[in-house]
Amino acid sequence: MSMLTPPGMGGQYRITGDKYPRMRPPRRRGRLVFAVLASVTALGLIGWGTLQLIDVFTGGDKKTSGAGAKADCRTKASPAAETRALPRPGEITVNVYNATARTGLAKGTADELKKRGFKVGDVGNASKEFDKKVKGTGILLGPASALNTSLPVLATQLAGAERRTDAARKGTALDLIIGDGFKNLTQRTAADQALVKLTEPEQTPATKKNC
């Protein structure tokens, strides 16, 4: 054993001649990789935060508000149901007058209207103003207030009848004046359907927004 060999060391650690073992500290590769990954992560977070700040100060809110405005413009309000306040047949009094040369029309028509729920007032021949002068199916006459209330209800019973109002007329009763073109009242089934349709809630169109 050489004199340079430390006591207790032999085998591969035996020093012979001019050769001797080189003692190196262990490599710290794990720490180096961790440091690199941490640096990359930190840089990424810094970059993301910078972009968020830029977005806030350069109009990011405008994009959001613009999208919200488009959504509002596309939204349509649903149609609102508007109930029509119309009187029932039982709340309407009808005077029936015959303006034709045929007899019995006023009484027969009045009886049928009564069966359909209307109140019947005077029944007889038409006045000189209308006698033998009504060429159509008939005339429905009432006060100005009846134009959009009781007159449309009575009109469901006599299709094609002319509607008239008289501002000087008093009371709420209506006149049904039978004309030369009259044959019969509208069939009851069809009249009832027309009455139901007339009293259904009316749909109002939705308001559109200008975008």
N, C-alpha and C. Protein backbone atom coordinates (compact mmCIF):
# COMPACT_ATOMS: atom_id res chain seq x y z
N MET A 1 0.85 -1.18 0.00
CA MET A 1 0.00 0.00 0.00
C MET A 1 0.88 1.22 0.00
N SER A 2 0.51 2.19 -0.76
CA SER A 2 1.31 3.41 -0.90
C SER A 2 1.22 4.23 0.36
N MET A 3 2.19 5.01 0.56
CA MET A 3 2.21 5.88 1.72
C MET A 3 1.18 6.98 1.61
N LEU A 4 0.69 7.26 0.37
CA LEU A 4 -0.34 8.29 0.19
C LEU A 4 -1.74 7.79 0.48
N THR A 5 -1.89 6.53 0.63
CA THR A 5 -3.22 5.97 0.90
C THR A 5 -3.61 6.23 2.32
N PRO A 6 -4.72 6.89 2.56
CA PRO A 6 -5.16 7.16 3.93
C PRO A 6 -5.44 5.87 4.65
N PRO A 7 -5.24 5.87 5.94
CA PRO A 7 -5.50 4.66 6.71
C PRO A 7 -6.95 4.24 6.61
N GLY A 8 -7.19 2.99 6.48
CA GLY A 8 -8.56 2.45 6.42
C GLY A 8 -9.14 2.46 5.05
N MET A 9 -8.51 3.00 4.04
CA MET A 9 -9.05 3.04 2.67
C MET A 9 -8.28 2.07 1.82
N GLY A 10 -8.99 1.25 1.17
CA GLY A 10 -8.39 0.26 0.30
C GLY A 10 -9.24 -0.02 -0.88
N GLY A 11 -8.91 -1.00 -1.60
CA GLY A 11 -9.74 -1.36 -2.77
C GLY A 11 -9.71 -0.29 -3.81
N GLN A 12 -10.98 0.19 -4.20
CA GLN A 12 -11.08 1.18 -5.27
C GLN A 12 -10.59 2.54 -4.83
N TYR A 13 -10.48 2.78 -3.57
CA TYR A 13 -9.97 4.04 -3.08
C TYR A 13 -8.46 4.03 -2.84
N ARG A 14 -7.84 2.93 -3.25
CA ARG A 14 -6.38 2.82 -3.06
C ARG A 14 -5.66 3.68 -4.08
N ILE A 15 -4.79 4.49 -3.59
CA ILE A 15 -4.05 5.41 -4.46
C ILE A 15 -2.74 4.78 -4.83
N THR A 16 -2.54 4.67 -6.11
CA THR A 16 -1.28 4.12 -6.61
C THR A 16 -0.70 5.07 -7.62
N GLY A 17 0.52 5.27 -7.57
CA GLY A 17 1.20 6.12 -8.55
C GLY A 17 0.74 7.55 -8.44
N ASP A 18 0.45 8.17 -9.63
CA ASP A 18 0.02 9.56 -9.65
C ASP A 18 -1.49 9.73 -9.76
N LYS A 19 -2.30 8.66 -9.61
CA LYS A 19 -3.76 8.71 -9.70
C LYS A 19 -4.36 8.75 -8.31
N TYR A 20 -5.49 9.58 -8.19
CA TYR A 20 -6.14 9.68 -6.89
C TYR A 20 -7.62 10.00 -7.15
N PRO A 21 -8.51 9.57 -6.30
CA PRO A 21 -9.97 9.81 -6.52
C PRO A 21 -10.33 11.26 -6.38
N ARG A 22 -11.29 11.71 -7.24
CA ARG A 22 -11.80 13.08 -7.19
C ARG A 22 -13.14 13.09 -6.43
N MET A 23 -13.21 13.82 -5.34
CA MET A 23 -14.40 13.87 -4.49
C MET A 23 -15.26 15.07 -4.92
N ARG A 24 -16.45 14.85 -5.58
CA ARG A 24 -17.35 15.91 -6.05
C ARG A 24 -18.65 15.91 -5.23
N PRO A 25 -19.17 17.12 -4.98
CA PRO A 25 -20.48 17.17 -4.26
C PRO A 25 -21.60 16.67 -5.16
N PRO A 26 -22.68 16.09 -4.62
CA PRO A 26 -23.81 15.57 -5.44
C PRO A 26 -24.52 16.70 -6.20
N ARG A 27 -24.91 16.40 -7.43
CA ARG A 27 -25.60 17.39 -8.26
C ARG A 27 -27.03 17.65 -7.76
N ARG A 28 -27.44 18.91 -7.85
CA ARG A 28 -28.77 19.30 -7.36
C ARG A 28 -29.69 19.62 -8.53
N ARG A 29 -29.95 18.59 -9.36
CA ARG A 29 -30.80 18.80 -10.54
C ARG A 29 -32.27 19.07 -10.16
N GLY A 30 -32.75 18.40 -9.13
CA GLY A 30 -34.16 18.59 -8.72
C GLY A 30 -34.47 20.01 -8.34
N ARG A 31 -33.54 20.62 -7.60
CA ARG A 31 -33.78 22.00 -7.18
C ARG A 31 -33.75 22.94 -8.38
N LEU A 32 -32.86 22.64 -9.32
CA LEU A 32 -32.76 23.50 -10.50
C LEU A 32 -34.04 23.46 -11.33
N VAL A 33 -34.60 22.27 -11.53
CA VAL A 33 -35.86 22.13 -12.31
C VAL A 33 -37.01 22.84 -11.61
N PHE A 34 -37.09 22.68 -10.32
CA PHE A 34 -38.16 23.34 -9.55
C PHE A 34 -38.06 24.86 -9.67
N ALA A 35 -36.83 25.37 -9.61
CA ALA A 35 -36.64 26.82 -9.71
C ALA A 35 -37.07 27.35 -11.07
N VAL A 36 -36.75 26.57 -12.13
CA VAL A 36 -37.15 26.98 -13.48
C VAL A 36 -38.67 27.00 -13.62
N LEU A 37 -39.34 25.94 -13.15
CA LEU A 37 -40.81 25.87 -13.24
C LEU A 37 -41.47 26.99 -12.45
N ALA A 38 -40.95 27.28 -11.28
CA ALA A 38 -41.50 28.37 -10.47
C ALA A 38 -41.37 29.70 -11.17
N SER A 39 -40.23 29.90 -11.83
CA SER A 39 -40.03 31.17 -12.54
C SER A 39 -41.01 31.32 -13.69
N VAL A 40 -41.23 30.21 -14.46
CA VAL A 40 -42.16 30.25 -15.59
C VAL A 40 -43.58 30.53 -15.11
N THR A 41 -43.97 29.86 -14.01
CA THR A 41 -45.31 30.07 -13.47
C THR A 41 -45.52 31.51 -13.01
N ALA A 42 -44.52 32.06 -12.33
CA ALA A 42 -44.62 33.44 -11.87
C ALA A 42 -44.75 34.41 -13.02
N LEU A 43 -43.96 34.18 -14.08
CA LEU A 43 -44.04 35.05 -15.26
C LEU A 43 -45.42 34.97 -15.91
N GLY A 44 -45.98 33.74 -15.96
CA GLY A 44 -47.31 33.58 -16.55
C GLY A 44 -48.38 34.32 -15.77
N LEU A 45 -48.32 34.23 -14.42
CA LEU A 45 -49.29 34.93 -13.60
C LEU A 45 -49.16 36.44 -13.75
N ILE A 46 -47.94 36.92 -13.82
CA ILE A 46 -47.73 38.36 -13.99
C ILE A 46 -48.30 38.83 -15.32
N GLY A 47 -48.08 38.04 -16.39
CA GLY A 47 -48.59 38.40 -17.71
C GLY A 47 -50.11 38.41 -17.75
N TRP A 48 -50.73 37.40 -17.12
CA TRP A 48 -52.21 37.33 -17.10
C TRP A 48 -52.79 38.51 -16.35
N GLY A 49 -52.18 38.83 -15.19
CA GLY A 49 -52.66 39.97 -14.42
C GLY A 49 -52.53 41.27 -15.19
N THR A 50 -51.43 41.40 -15.94
CA THR A 50 -51.24 42.61 -16.75
C THR A 50 -52.32 42.74 -17.81
N LEU A 51 -52.66 41.63 -18.47
CA LEU A 51 -53.70 41.66 -19.49
C LEU A 51 -55.06 42.04 -18.90
N GLN A 52 -55.35 41.54 -17.69
CA GLN A 52 -56.62 41.88 -17.06
C GLN A 52 -56.70 43.38 -16.76
N LEU A 53 -55.58 43.94 -16.27
CA LEU A 53 -55.57 45.38 -15.99
C LEU A 53 -55.74 46.20 -17.26
N ILE A 54 -55.09 45.76 -18.33
CA ILE A 54 -55.21 46.47 -19.61
C ILE A 54 -56.65 46.43 -20.12
N ASP A 55 -57.30 45.25 -19.95
CA ASP A 55 -58.67 45.09 -20.43
C ASP A 55 -59.63 46.00 -19.67
N VAL A 56 -59.38 46.15 -18.36
CA VAL A 56 -60.25 47.00 -17.54
C VAL A 56 -60.11 48.47 -17.92
N PHE A 57 -58.85 48.92 -18.11
CA PHE A 57 -58.61 50.35 -18.36
C PHE A 57 -58.75 50.74 -19.83
N THR A 58 -58.94 49.77 -20.72
CA THR A 58 -59.03 50.13 -22.15
C THR A 58 -60.39 49.79 -22.75
N GLY A 59 -61.42 49.59 -21.91
CA GLY A 59 -62.77 49.45 -22.48
C GLY A 59 -63.32 48.05 -22.45
N GLY A 60 -62.88 47.20 -21.56
CA GLY A 60 -63.46 45.86 -21.48
C GLY A 60 -64.93 45.91 -21.12
N ASP A 61 -65.32 46.91 -20.29
CA ASP A 61 -66.71 47.05 -19.88
C ASP A 61 -67.61 47.42 -21.05
N LYS A 62 -67.04 48.15 -22.05
CA LYS A 62 -67.85 48.55 -23.21
C LYS A 62 -68.31 47.34 -24.00
N LYS A 63 -67.41 46.35 -24.10
CA LYS A 63 -67.81 45.14 -24.84
C LYS A 63 -68.96 44.45 -24.14
N THR A 64 -68.84 44.39 -22.79
CA THR A 64 -69.89 43.73 -22.04
C THR A 64 -71.21 44.47 -22.17
N SER A 65 -71.14 45.80 -22.04
CA SER A 65 -72.37 46.59 -22.15
C SER A 65 -72.96 46.50 -23.54
N GLY A 66 -72.11 46.41 -24.57
CA GLY A 66 -72.61 46.27 -25.94
C GLY A 66 -73.36 44.98 -26.12
N ALA A 67 -72.80 43.90 -25.55
CA ALA A 67 -73.47 42.60 -25.66
C ALA A 67 -74.80 42.64 -24.95
N GLY A 68 -74.83 43.32 -23.77
CA GLY A 68 -76.08 43.42 -23.03
C GLY A 68 -77.12 44.19 -23.81
N ALA A 69 -76.68 45.25 -24.53
CA ALA A 69 -77.62 46.05 -25.32
C ALA A 69 -78.23 45.22 -26.42
N LYS A 70 -77.40 44.38 -27.08
CA LYS A 70 -77.93 43.52 -28.14
C LYS A 70 -78.96 42.56 -27.58
N ALA A 71 -78.67 42.01 -26.39
CA ALA A 71 -79.61 41.07 -25.80
C ALA A 71 -80.93 41.76 -25.51
N ASP A 72 -80.86 43.03 -25.01
CA ASP A 72 -82.08 43.77 -24.72
C ASP A 72 -82.88 44.04 -25.98
N CYS A 73 -82.16 44.35 -27.10
CA CYS A 73 -82.85 44.66 -28.36
C CYS A 73 -83.55 43.43 -28.91
N ARG A 74 -82.98 42.27 -28.65
CA ARG A 74 -83.58 41.04 -29.20
C ARG A 74 -84.76 40.58 -28.38
N THR A 75 -84.84 41.05 -27.15
CA THR A 75 -85.93 40.64 -26.28
C THR A 75 -87.22 41.34 -26.69
N LYS A 76 -88.25 40.57 -26.88
CA LYS A 76 -89.55 41.12 -27.27
C LYS A 76 -90.54 40.91 -26.14
N ALA A 77 -91.25 41.93 -25.84
CA ALA A 77 -92.26 41.81 -24.81
C ALA A 77 -93.41 40.96 -25.32
N SER A 78 -93.87 40.07 -24.48
CA SER A 78 -94.98 39.23 -24.89
C SER A 78 -96.25 40.06 -25.01
N PRO A 79 -97.11 39.72 -25.99
CA PRO A 79 -98.33 40.49 -26.17
C PRO A 79 -99.20 40.48 -24.93
N ALA A 80 -99.78 41.60 -24.62
CA ALA A 80 -100.63 41.70 -23.43
C ALA A 80 -102.09 41.48 -23.81
N ALA A 81 -102.77 40.72 -22.99
CA ALA A 81 -104.18 40.44 -23.24
C ALA A 81 -105.02 41.58 -22.69
N GLU A 82 -105.81 42.18 -23.55
CA GLU A 82 -106.65 43.31 -23.16
C GLU A 82 -108.11 42.88 -23.24
N THR A 83 -108.73 42.76 -22.09
CA THR A 83 -110.11 42.28 -22.04
C THR A 83 -111.07 43.36 -22.52
N ARG A 84 -111.99 42.97 -23.40
CA ARG A 84 -112.97 43.92 -23.92
C ARG A 84 -114.22 43.87 -23.04
N ALA A 85 -114.58 45.00 -22.50
CA ALA A 85 -115.75 45.08 -21.63
C ALA A 85 -117.00 45.28 -22.48
N LEU A 86 -117.67 44.20 -22.81
CA LEU A 86 -118.89 44.26 -23.63
C LEU A 86 -120.07 43.76 -22.82
N PRO A 87 -121.23 44.32 -23.03
CA PRO A 87 -122.42 43.86 -22.30
C PRO A 87 -122.87 42.48 -22.79
N ARG A 88 -123.53 41.77 -21.92
CA ARG A 88 -124.09 40.47 -22.28
C ARG A 88 -125.44 40.68 -22.97
N PRO A 89 -125.90 39.68 -23.73
CA PRO A 89 -127.21 39.82 -24.38
C PRO A 89 -128.32 40.18 -23.40
N GLY A 90 -128.26 39.61 -22.19
CA GLY A 90 -129.29 39.89 -21.19
C GLY A 90 -129.29 41.31 -20.70
N GLU A 91 -128.24 42.05 -20.99
CA GLU A 91 -128.15 43.45 -20.57
C GLU A 91 -128.54 44.42 -21.68
N ILE A 92 -128.96 43.87 -22.83
CA ILE A 92 -129.27 44.70 -24.00
C ILE A 92 -130.77 44.59 -24.33
N THR A 93 -131.41 45.72 -24.42
CA THR A 93 -132.82 45.76 -24.80
C THR A 93 -132.93 46.12 -26.29
N VAL A 94 -133.70 45.32 -27.04
CA VAL A 94 -133.80 45.51 -28.48
C VAL A 94 -135.26 45.76 -28.87
N ASN A 95 -135.48 46.87 -29.58
CA ASN A 95 -136.80 47.13 -30.19
C ASN A 95 -136.75 46.59 -31.61
N VAL A 96 -137.74 45.82 -32.01
CA VAL A 96 -137.75 45.21 -33.34
C VAL A 96 -138.86 45.85 -34.18
N TYR A 97 -138.45 46.40 -35.33
CA TYR A 97 -139.40 47.07 -36.23
C TYR A 97 -139.29 46.48 -37.63
N ASN A 98 -140.44 46.35 -38.27
CA ASN A 98 -140.50 45.79 -39.62
C ASN A 98 -140.68 46.92 -40.64
N ALA A 99 -139.69 47.05 -41.53
CA ALA A 99 -139.76 48.11 -42.54
C ALA A 99 -140.11 47.56 -43.92
N THR A 100 -140.57 46.30 -43.96
CA THR A 100 -140.91 45.67 -45.25
C THR A 100 -142.43 45.56 -45.39
N ALA A 101 -142.81 45.06 -46.57
CA ALA A 101 -144.24 44.86 -46.83
C ALA A 101 -144.71 43.51 -46.31
N ARG A 102 -143.79 42.68 -45.87
CA ARG A 102 -144.14 41.36 -45.36
C ARG A 102 -144.60 41.48 -43.90
N THR A 103 -145.58 40.72 -43.58
CA THR A 103 -146.13 40.78 -42.22
C THR A 103 -145.54 39.69 -41.33
N GLY A 104 -145.54 39.94 -40.03
CA GLY A 104 -145.12 38.93 -39.06
C GLY A 104 -143.62 38.86 -38.81
N LEU A 105 -142.82 39.63 -39.55
CA LEU A 105 -141.37 39.53 -39.38
C LEU A 105 -140.90 40.08 -38.03
N ALA A 106 -141.50 41.16 -37.59
CA ALA A 106 -141.05 41.78 -36.35
C ALA A 106 -141.28 40.86 -35.15
N LYS A 107 -142.48 40.26 -35.08
CA LYS A 107 -142.80 39.41 -33.93
C LYS A 107 -141.93 38.14 -33.93
N GLY A 108 -141.79 37.53 -35.08
CA GLY A 108 -140.99 36.30 -35.15
C GLY A 108 -139.53 36.55 -34.79
N THR A 109 -139.01 37.68 -35.26
CA THR A 109 -137.61 38.01 -34.97
C THR A 109 -137.44 38.34 -33.49
N ALA A 110 -138.41 39.05 -32.93
CA ALA A 110 -138.34 39.40 -31.51
C ALA A 110 -138.36 38.15 -30.63
N ASP A 111 -139.21 37.20 -30.99
CA ASP A 111 -139.29 35.95 -30.21
C ASP A 111 -137.96 35.19 -30.25
N GLU A 112 -137.33 35.17 -31.42
CA GLU A 112 -136.05 34.45 -31.54
C GLU A 112 -134.95 35.16 -30.75
N LEU A 113 -134.93 36.47 -30.78
CA LEU A 113 -133.94 37.21 -29.99
C LEU A 113 -134.13 36.96 -28.49
N LYS A 114 -135.37 36.86 -28.08
CA LYS A 114 -135.66 36.58 -26.67
C LYS A 114 -135.13 35.20 -26.28
N LYS A 115 -135.27 34.23 -27.18
CA LYS A 115 -134.75 32.88 -26.90
C LYS A 115 -133.22 32.90 -26.77
N ARG A 116 -132.59 33.84 -27.46
CA ARG A 116 -131.12 33.92 -27.44
C ARG A 116 -130.59 34.78 -26.29
N GLY A 117 -131.50 35.19 -25.42
CA GLY A 117 -131.06 35.88 -24.21
C GLY A 117 -131.18 37.39 -24.22
N PHE A 118 -131.65 37.99 -25.31
CA PHE A 118 -131.79 39.44 -25.37
C PHE A 118 -133.12 39.86 -24.74
N LYS A 119 -133.14 41.08 -24.23
CA LYS A 119 -134.39 41.65 -23.75
C LYS A 119 -135.10 42.31 -24.93
N VAL A 120 -136.37 42.14 -25.00
CA VAL A 120 -137.14 42.70 -26.12
C VAL A 120 -138.01 43.86 -25.62
N GLY A 121 -137.95 44.97 -26.35
CA GLY A 121 -138.75 46.15 -26.01
C GLY A 121 -139.97 46.25 -26.90
N ASP A 122 -140.04 47.31 -27.68
CA ASP A 122 -141.18 47.52 -28.57
C ASP A 122 -141.09 46.62 -29.80
N VAL A 123 -142.21 46.16 -30.29
CA VAL A 123 -142.27 45.33 -31.50
C VAL A 123 -143.40 45.89 -32.37
N GLY A 124 -143.08 46.12 -33.68
CA GLY A 124 -144.12 46.65 -34.57
C GLY A 124 -143.54 47.10 -35.89
N ASN A 125 -144.29 47.97 -36.57
CA ASN A 125 -143.87 48.47 -37.88
C ASN A 125 -142.89 49.64 -37.70
N ALA A 126 -142.01 49.80 -38.69
CA ALA A 126 -141.02 50.87 -38.64
C ALA A 126 -141.68 52.23 -38.87
N SER A 127 -141.02 53.27 -38.42
CA SER A 127 -141.52 54.63 -38.61
C SER A 127 -141.42 55.03 -40.08
N LYS A 128 -142.05 56.16 -40.45
CA LYS A 128 -142.03 56.63 -41.83
C LYS A 128 -140.60 56.88 -42.35
N GLU A 129 -139.73 57.20 -41.42
CA GLU A 129 -138.34 57.46 -41.81
C GLU A 129 -137.69 56.24 -42.46
N PHE A 130 -138.14 55.03 -42.03
CA PHE A 130 -137.51 53.80 -42.53
C PHE A 130 -138.49 52.89 -43.30
N ASP A 131 -139.78 53.08 -43.14
CA ASP A 131 -140.75 52.17 -43.76
C ASP A 131 -140.60 52.12 -45.28
N LYS A 132 -140.39 50.92 -45.77
CA LYS A 132 -140.22 50.62 -47.20
C LYS A 132 -138.97 51.30 -47.79
N LYS A 133 -138.04 51.69 -46.94
CA LYS A 133 -136.85 52.39 -47.41
C LYS A 133 -135.53 51.66 -47.08
N VAL A 134 -135.64 50.52 -46.45
CA VAL A 134 -134.43 49.76 -46.09
C VAL A 134 -134.29 48.60 -47.07
N LYS A 135 -133.33 48.69 -47.97
CA LYS A 135 -133.17 47.69 -49.00
C LYS A 135 -132.30 46.49 -48.56
N GLY A 136 -131.42 46.73 -47.61
CA GLY A 136 -130.52 45.65 -47.18
C GLY A 136 -131.16 44.72 -46.17
N THR A 137 -130.30 43.96 -45.47
CA THR A 137 -130.79 43.02 -44.46
C THR A 137 -131.51 43.73 -43.33
N GLY A 138 -130.93 44.84 -42.90
CA GLY A 138 -131.54 45.58 -41.80
C GLY A 138 -130.61 46.66 -41.29
N ILE A 139 -131.11 47.43 -40.34
CA ILE A 139 -130.34 48.52 -39.72
C ILE A 139 -130.36 48.32 -38.21
N LEU A 140 -129.20 48.45 -37.60
CA LEU A 140 -129.09 48.41 -36.15
C LEU A 140 -128.80 49.83 -35.70
N LEU A 141 -129.71 50.39 -34.92
CA LEU A 141 -129.62 51.79 -34.52
C LEU A 141 -129.54 51.92 -33.00
N GLY A 142 -128.63 52.78 -32.53
CA GLY A 142 -128.48 52.97 -31.09
C GLY A 142 -127.81 54.29 -30.77
N PRO A 143 -127.65 54.62 -29.49
CA PRO A 143 -126.99 55.86 -29.10
C PRO A 143 -125.49 55.79 -29.42
N ALA A 144 -124.84 56.95 -29.36
CA ALA A 144 -123.41 57.00 -29.69
C ALA A 144 -122.59 56.09 -28.79
N SER A 145 -123.00 55.94 -27.55
CA SER A 145 -122.25 55.10 -26.59
C SER A 145 -122.31 53.62 -26.93
N ALA A 146 -123.23 53.23 -27.83
CA ALA A 146 -123.39 51.81 -28.17
C ALA A 146 -122.51 51.36 -29.33
N LEU A 147 -121.80 52.31 -29.95
CA LEU A 147 -121.04 52.00 -31.16
C LEU A 147 -120.05 50.85 -30.95
N ASN A 148 -119.32 50.85 -29.86
CA ASN A 148 -118.33 49.80 -29.61
C ASN A 148 -118.69 48.91 -28.42
N THR A 149 -119.96 48.93 -28.05
CA THR A 149 -120.39 48.11 -26.91
C THR A 149 -121.55 47.19 -27.28
N SER A 150 -122.76 47.69 -27.19
CA SER A 150 -123.93 46.82 -27.43
C SER A 150 -124.21 46.57 -28.91
N LEU A 151 -123.89 47.53 -29.78
CA LEU A 151 -124.15 47.32 -31.21
C LEU A 151 -123.36 46.13 -31.79
N PRO A 152 -122.07 45.98 -31.49
CA PRO A 152 -121.35 44.81 -32.01
C PRO A 152 -121.94 43.49 -31.50
N VAL A 153 -122.45 43.50 -30.27
CA VAL A 153 -123.04 42.27 -29.72
C VAL A 153 -124.31 41.91 -30.49
N LEU A 154 -125.18 42.88 -30.74
CA LEU A 154 -126.39 42.62 -31.50
C LEU A 154 -126.09 42.26 -32.94
N ALA A 155 -125.01 42.82 -33.48
CA ALA A 155 -124.64 42.54 -34.87
C ALA A 155 -124.26 41.08 -35.10
N THR A 156 -123.89 40.36 -34.05
CA THR A 156 -123.57 38.94 -34.21
C THR A 156 -124.81 38.13 -34.57
N GLN A 157 -125.99 38.69 -34.33
CA GLN A 157 -127.24 37.98 -34.59
C GLN A 157 -127.80 38.24 -35.98
N LEU A 158 -127.30 39.30 -36.64
CA LEU A 158 -127.79 39.63 -37.97
C LEU A 158 -126.62 40.09 -38.84
N ALA A 159 -126.02 39.13 -39.51
CA ALA A 159 -124.85 39.42 -40.35
C ALA A 159 -125.24 40.35 -41.50
N GLY A 160 -124.38 41.31 -41.77
CA GLY A 160 -124.60 42.22 -42.90
C GLY A 160 -125.48 43.41 -42.59
N ALA A 161 -125.96 43.51 -41.36
CA ALA A 161 -126.82 44.64 -41.01
C ALA A 161 -125.98 45.92 -40.88
N GLU A 162 -126.56 47.03 -41.27
CA GLU A 162 -125.88 48.32 -41.17
C GLU A 162 -125.98 48.84 -39.73
N ARG A 163 -124.88 49.39 -39.24
CA ARG A 163 -124.88 49.94 -37.89
C ARG A 163 -124.91 51.48 -37.94
N ARG A 164 -125.79 52.04 -37.16
CA ARG A 164 -125.90 53.49 -37.10
C ARG A 164 -126.02 53.94 -35.65
N THR A 165 -125.58 55.16 -35.40
CA THR A 165 -125.75 55.75 -34.07
C THR A 165 -126.40 57.13 -34.20
N ASP A 166 -127.08 57.52 -33.14
CA ASP A 166 -127.75 58.82 -33.11
C ASP A 166 -127.33 59.53 -31.82
N ALA A 167 -126.57 60.63 -31.97
CA ALA A 167 -126.06 61.34 -30.79
C ALA A 167 -127.18 61.92 -29.94
N ALA A 168 -128.34 62.20 -30.57
CA ALA A 168 -129.45 62.80 -29.82
C ALA A 168 -130.34 61.75 -29.16
N ARG A 169 -130.04 60.48 -29.43
CA ARG A 169 -130.87 59.40 -28.89
C ARG A 169 -130.63 59.24 -27.40
N LYS A 170 -131.69 59.06 -26.64
CA LYS A 170 -131.60 58.88 -25.21
C LYS A 170 -131.78 57.40 -24.85
N GLY A 171 -131.25 57.04 -23.70
CA GLY A 171 -131.38 55.66 -23.25
C GLY A 171 -130.32 54.76 -23.86
N THR A 172 -130.42 53.48 -23.57
CA THR A 172 -129.44 52.49 -24.05
C THR A 172 -130.05 51.45 -24.97
N ALA A 173 -131.36 51.48 -25.18
CA ALA A 173 -132.03 50.48 -26.02
C ALA A 173 -131.59 50.63 -27.48
N LEU A 174 -131.62 49.50 -28.20
CA LEU A 174 -131.25 49.47 -29.62
C LEU A 174 -132.48 49.16 -30.46
N ASP A 175 -132.42 49.60 -31.73
CA ASP A 175 -133.49 49.27 -32.69
C ASP A 175 -132.94 48.31 -33.73
N LEU A 176 -133.67 47.25 -33.98
CA LEU A 176 -133.36 46.36 -35.09
C LEU A 176 -134.46 46.58 -36.12
N ILE A 177 -134.11 47.22 -37.23
CA ILE A 177 -135.09 47.55 -38.27
C ILE A 177 -134.90 46.57 -39.42
N ILE A 178 -135.89 45.76 -39.66
CA ILE A 178 -135.79 44.70 -40.68
C ILE A 178 -135.98 45.31 -42.07
N GLY A 179 -135.05 44.95 -42.98
CA GLY A 179 -135.10 45.47 -44.35
C GLY A 179 -135.57 44.43 -45.35
N ASP A 180 -135.63 44.84 -46.61
CA ASP A 180 -136.15 43.96 -47.67
C ASP A 180 -135.25 42.74 -47.88
N GLY A 181 -133.96 42.86 -47.62
CA GLY A 181 -133.04 41.73 -47.82
C GLY A 181 -133.03 40.73 -46.68
N PHE A 182 -133.84 40.93 -45.67
CA PHE A 182 -133.85 40.04 -44.49
C PHE A 182 -134.53 38.70 -44.82
N LYS A 183 -133.91 37.62 -44.37
CA LYS A 183 -134.52 36.30 -44.49
C LYS A 183 -134.70 35.70 -43.10
N ASN A 184 -133.59 35.58 -42.41
CA ASN A 184 -133.61 35.06 -41.04
C ASN A 184 -132.44 35.66 -40.26
N LEU A 185 -132.53 35.54 -38.96
CA LEU A 185 -131.37 35.90 -38.16
C LEU A 185 -130.23 34.92 -38.45
N THR A 186 -129.02 35.29 -38.12
CA THR A 186 -127.87 34.39 -38.28
C THR A 186 -128.12 33.11 -37.49
N GLN A 187 -127.76 31.96 -38.07
CA GLN A 187 -127.96 30.71 -37.36
C GLN A 187 -127.38 30.81 -35.96
N ARG A 188 -128.07 30.23 -35.00
CA ARG A 188 -127.69 30.42 -33.60
C ARG A 188 -126.27 29.94 -33.30
N THR A 189 -125.88 28.80 -33.89
CA THR A 189 -124.54 28.28 -33.64
C THR A 189 -123.47 29.27 -34.10
N ALA A 190 -123.66 29.78 -35.32
CA ALA A 190 -122.70 30.75 -35.86
C ALA A 190 -122.72 32.04 -35.06
N ALA A 191 -123.92 32.46 -34.62
CA ALA A 191 -124.04 33.69 -33.83
C ALA A 191 -123.34 33.54 -32.47
N ASP A 192 -123.49 32.37 -31.86
CA ASP A 192 -122.84 32.13 -30.58
C ASP A 192 -121.32 32.13 -30.73
N GLN A 193 -120.82 31.53 -31.81
CA GLN A 193 -119.38 31.51 -32.06
C GLN A 193 -118.84 32.93 -32.28
N ALA A 194 -119.60 33.72 -33.03
CA ALA A 194 -119.19 35.11 -33.27
C ALA A 194 -119.20 35.91 -31.97
N LEU A 195 -120.14 35.61 -31.09
CA LEU A 195 -120.22 36.31 -29.81
C LEU A 195 -119.04 35.95 -28.91
N VAL A 196 -118.68 34.68 -28.90
CA VAL A 196 -117.53 34.24 -28.10
C VAL A 196 -116.25 34.89 -28.61
N LYS A 197 -116.08 34.90 -29.93
CA LYS A 197 -114.89 35.51 -30.52
C LYS A 197 -114.83 37.00 -30.22
N LEU A 198 -115.99 37.63 -30.20
CA LEU A 198 -116.06 39.07 -29.95
C LEU A 198 -115.64 39.42 -28.53
N THR A 199 -115.95 38.54 -27.59
CA THR A 199 -115.66 38.81 -26.19
C THR A 199 -114.32 38.25 -25.73
N GLU A 200 -113.58 37.60 -26.62
CA GLU A 200 -112.26 37.08 -26.24
C GLU A 200 -111.30 38.23 -25.98
N PRO A 201 -110.30 38.02 -25.08
CA PRO A 201 -109.31 39.08 -24.82
C PRO A 201 -108.58 39.45 -26.10
N GLU A 202 -108.38 40.73 -26.30
CA GLU A 202 -107.71 41.22 -27.51
C GLU A 202 -106.22 41.34 -27.25
N GLN A 203 -105.39 40.77 -28.16
CA GLN A 203 -103.95 40.80 -28.01
C GLN A 203 -103.40 42.10 -28.59
N THR A 204 -102.65 42.82 -27.77
CA THR A 204 -101.99 44.04 -28.25
C THR A 204 -100.59 43.70 -28.71
N PRO A 205 -100.12 44.27 -29.82
CA PRO A 205 -98.79 43.94 -30.34
C PRO A 205 -97.69 44.37 -29.40
N ALA A 206 -96.56 43.59 -29.40
CA ALA A 206 -95.42 43.92 -28.55
C ALA A 206 -94.71 45.14 -29.07
N THR A 207 -94.14 45.92 -28.15
CA THR A 207 -93.39 47.12 -28.53
C THR A 207 -91.99 46.72 -28.98
N LYS A 208 -91.56 47.20 -30.15
CA LYS A 208 -90.24 46.89 -30.67
C LYS A 208 -89.28 48.02 -30.32
N LYS A 209 -88.03 47.66 -30.02
CA LYS A 209 -87.00 48.64 -29.70
C LYS A 209 -86.13 48.91 -30.90
N ASN A 210 -85.73 50.16 -31.04
CA ASN A 210 -84.79 50.52 -32.11
C ASN A 210 -83.38 50.31 -31.63
N CYS A 211 -82.63 49.48 -32.34
CA CYS A 211 -81.26 49.17 -31.95
C CYS A 211 -80.28 49.88 -32.88
